Amino acid sequence: MTFVRVKLRLERLLPGETLVVRLNAGEPLRNVPRSARAEGFEVAELGPENEGGRVHRLRIGRRAAG
């Protein structure tokens, strides 16, 4: 369900724009980046928000036209 919400927002991005998503460890962290790549988006950043944290920060971008 998490990727469905992310995908709805990604579809509104213009080329060159990025979306920052906070994900809990576990299934969302495994599935959202993989699904975004499969849909043709660029995973620009992925890592924990703080040391030892269970929440991760994911930055996904729409590739610039050209």
N, C-alpha and C. Protein backbone atom coordinates (compact mmCIF):
# COMPACT_ATOMS: atom_id res chain seq x y z
N MET A 1 0.82 -1.20 0.00
CA MET A 1 0.00 0.00 0.00
C MET A 1 0.86 1.26 0.00
N THR A 2 2.03 1.17 0.63
CA THR A 2 2.90 2.34 0.69
C THR A 2 3.29 2.80 -0.70
N PHE A 3 3.68 1.86 -1.59
CA PHE A 3 4.12 2.27 -2.92
C PHE A 3 2.97 2.88 -3.71
N VAL A 4 1.77 2.43 -3.50
CA VAL A 4 0.63 3.01 -4.23
C VAL A 4 0.53 4.51 -3.94
N ARG A 5 0.66 4.87 -2.68
CA ARG A 5 0.60 6.29 -2.31
C ARG A 5 1.79 7.06 -2.89
N VAL A 6 2.97 6.46 -2.83
CA VAL A 6 4.16 7.10 -3.38
C VAL A 6 4.01 7.27 -4.89
N LYS A 7 3.54 6.23 -5.56
CA LYS A 7 3.40 6.29 -7.02
C LYS A 7 2.43 7.38 -7.46
N LEU A 8 1.33 7.55 -6.72
CA LEU A 8 0.38 8.61 -7.06
C LEU A 8 1.06 9.98 -7.02
N ARG A 9 1.93 10.18 -6.08
CA ARG A 9 2.64 11.46 -5.98
C ARG A 9 3.72 11.56 -7.05
N LEU A 10 4.42 10.45 -7.33
CA LEU A 10 5.47 10.46 -8.34
C LEU A 10 4.91 10.81 -9.72
N GLU A 11 3.72 10.37 -10.00
CA GLU A 11 3.12 10.63 -11.31
C GLU A 11 2.90 12.12 -11.56
N ARG A 12 2.86 12.90 -10.50
CA ARG A 12 2.66 14.35 -10.64
C ARG A 12 3.98 15.13 -10.75
N LEU A 13 5.11 14.43 -10.58
CA LEU A 13 6.40 15.12 -10.66
C LEU A 13 6.70 15.55 -12.10
N LEU A 14 7.30 16.70 -12.23
CA LEU A 14 7.79 17.15 -13.52
C LEU A 14 9.21 16.64 -13.70
N PRO A 15 9.69 16.53 -14.94
CA PRO A 15 11.07 16.11 -15.15
C PRO A 15 12.06 16.98 -14.37
N GLY A 16 12.99 16.34 -13.69
CA GLY A 16 13.98 17.04 -12.89
C GLY A 16 13.59 17.24 -11.44
N GLU A 17 12.32 17.05 -11.10
CA GLU A 17 11.86 17.20 -9.71
C GLU A 17 12.13 15.92 -8.92
N THR A 18 12.19 16.08 -7.59
CA THR A 18 12.38 14.93 -6.72
C THR A 18 11.31 14.91 -5.63
N LEU A 19 11.13 13.73 -5.07
CA LEU A 19 10.19 13.52 -3.98
C LEU A 19 10.96 12.86 -2.84
N VAL A 20 10.80 13.37 -1.63
CA VAL A 20 11.43 12.78 -0.46
C VAL A 20 10.36 12.03 0.33
N VAL A 21 10.66 10.77 0.63
CA VAL A 21 9.72 9.90 1.33
C VAL A 21 10.42 9.34 2.56
N ARG A 22 9.71 9.28 3.67
CA ARG A 22 10.22 8.64 4.89
C ARG A 22 9.61 7.26 4.97
N LEU A 23 10.47 6.24 5.12
CA LEU A 23 10.01 4.86 5.14
C LEU A 23 10.46 4.15 6.40
N ASN A 24 9.59 3.33 6.94
CA ASN A 24 9.97 2.47 8.05
C ASN A 24 10.79 1.31 7.51
N ALA A 25 11.66 0.78 8.36
CA ALA A 25 12.44 -0.39 7.99
C ALA A 25 11.49 -1.55 7.72
N GLY A 26 11.96 -2.52 6.98
CA GLY A 26 11.14 -3.69 6.68
C GLY A 26 10.62 -3.65 5.26
N GLU A 27 9.41 -4.12 5.09
CA GLU A 27 8.83 -4.27 3.76
C GLU A 27 8.79 -2.96 2.95
N PRO A 28 8.34 -1.84 3.52
CA PRO A 28 8.35 -0.60 2.71
C PRO A 28 9.75 -0.23 2.23
N LEU A 29 10.74 -0.43 3.06
CA LEU A 29 12.11 -0.08 2.70
C LEU A 29 12.63 -0.98 1.58
N ARG A 30 12.20 -2.21 1.55
CA ARG A 30 12.61 -3.13 0.48
C ARG A 30 11.84 -2.87 -0.81
N ASN A 31 10.55 -2.64 -0.69
CA ASN A 31 9.69 -2.61 -1.87
C ASN A 31 9.60 -1.27 -2.59
N VAL A 32 9.56 -0.17 -1.87
CA VAL A 32 9.35 1.13 -2.52
C VAL A 32 10.51 1.50 -3.45
N PRO A 33 11.78 1.41 -3.02
CA PRO A 33 12.85 1.76 -3.97
C PRO A 33 12.87 0.83 -5.19
N ARG A 34 12.67 -0.46 -4.97
CA ARG A 34 12.67 -1.42 -6.08
C ARG A 34 11.54 -1.11 -7.06
N SER A 35 10.36 -0.85 -6.55
CA SER A 35 9.22 -0.55 -7.41
C SER A 35 9.39 0.77 -8.14
N ALA A 36 9.96 1.76 -7.48
CA ALA A 36 10.21 3.05 -8.14
C ALA A 36 11.16 2.89 -9.31
N ARG A 37 12.22 2.13 -9.11
CA ARG A 37 13.16 1.87 -10.21
C ARG A 37 12.46 1.14 -11.36
N ALA A 38 11.65 0.15 -11.02
CA ALA A 38 10.93 -0.61 -12.04
C ALA A 38 9.98 0.27 -12.85
N GLU A 39 9.48 1.33 -12.24
CA GLU A 39 8.58 2.27 -12.93
C GLU A 39 9.34 3.34 -13.71
N GLY A 40 10.68 3.30 -13.67
CA GLY A 40 11.47 4.23 -14.45
C GLY A 40 11.93 5.48 -13.70
N PHE A 41 11.76 5.51 -12.39
CA PHE A 41 12.21 6.65 -11.59
C PHE A 41 13.63 6.38 -11.09
N GLU A 42 14.30 7.44 -10.72
CA GLU A 42 15.68 7.35 -10.24
C GLU A 42 15.69 7.46 -8.71
N VAL A 43 16.26 6.46 -8.06
CA VAL A 43 16.44 6.53 -6.61
C VAL A 43 17.76 7.26 -6.38
N ALA A 44 17.65 8.49 -5.92
CA ALA A 44 18.81 9.37 -5.80
C ALA A 44 19.49 9.27 -4.44
N GLU A 45 18.75 8.90 -3.42
CA GLU A 45 19.30 8.84 -2.06
C GLU A 45 18.47 7.86 -1.26
N LEU A 46 19.16 7.05 -0.45
CA LEU A 46 18.46 6.13 0.44
C LEU A 46 19.36 5.87 1.63
N GLY A 47 18.87 6.17 2.82
CA GLY A 47 19.65 5.94 4.02
C GLY A 47 18.86 6.29 5.27
N PRO A 48 19.37 5.84 6.41
CA PRO A 48 18.68 6.13 7.68
C PRO A 48 18.68 7.62 7.98
N GLU A 49 17.60 8.08 8.60
CA GLU A 49 17.52 9.50 8.98
C GLU A 49 18.51 9.83 10.08
N ASN A 50 18.73 8.88 10.98
CA ASN A 50 19.71 9.09 12.04
C ASN A 50 20.35 7.74 12.38
N GLU A 51 21.43 7.78 13.08
CA GLU A 51 22.18 6.57 13.40
C GLU A 51 21.32 5.59 14.19
N GLY A 52 21.22 4.38 13.69
CA GLY A 52 20.45 3.35 14.36
C GLY A 52 18.95 3.50 14.21
N GLY A 53 18.53 4.45 13.40
CA GLY A 53 17.09 4.71 13.26
C GLY A 53 16.38 3.67 12.42
N ARG A 54 15.12 3.50 12.69
CA ARG A 54 14.29 2.59 11.90
C ARG A 54 13.61 3.32 10.75
N VAL A 55 13.69 4.63 10.74
CA VAL A 55 13.08 5.41 9.66
C VAL A 55 14.17 5.81 8.68
N HIS A 56 13.90 5.58 7.40
CA HIS A 56 14.86 5.89 6.34
C HIS A 56 14.30 6.98 5.45
N ARG A 57 15.21 7.69 4.84
CA ARG A 57 14.87 8.80 3.93
C ARG A 57 15.20 8.33 2.52
N LEU A 58 14.21 8.44 1.66
CA LEU A 58 14.35 8.04 0.26
C LEU A 58 14.04 9.24 -0.61
N ARG A 59 14.95 9.55 -1.52
CA ARG A 59 14.72 10.64 -2.47
C ARG A 59 14.62 10.01 -3.86
N ILE A 60 13.48 10.23 -4.50
CA ILE A 60 13.20 9.65 -5.81
C ILE A 60 13.01 10.79 -6.79
N GLY A 61 13.59 10.65 -7.96
CA GLY A 61 13.47 11.70 -8.96
C GLY A 61 12.91 11.21 -10.28
N ARG A 62 12.31 12.14 -10.99
CA ARG A 62 11.90 11.88 -12.37
C ARG A 62 13.04 12.40 -13.24
N ARG A 63 13.51 11.56 -14.09
CA ARG A 63 14.64 11.94 -14.95
C ARG A 63 14.26 13.14 -15.81
N ALA A 64 15.22 14.03 -15.95
CA ALA A 64 15.00 15.21 -16.77
C ALA A 64 14.86 14.80 -18.23
N ALA A 65 14.02 15.48 -18.94
CA ALA A 65 13.81 15.20 -20.36
C ALA A 65 15.08 15.51 -21.13
N GLY A 66 15.33 14.73 -22.14
CA GLY A 66 16.46 15.05 -23.00
C GLY A 66 17.33 13.97 -23.23
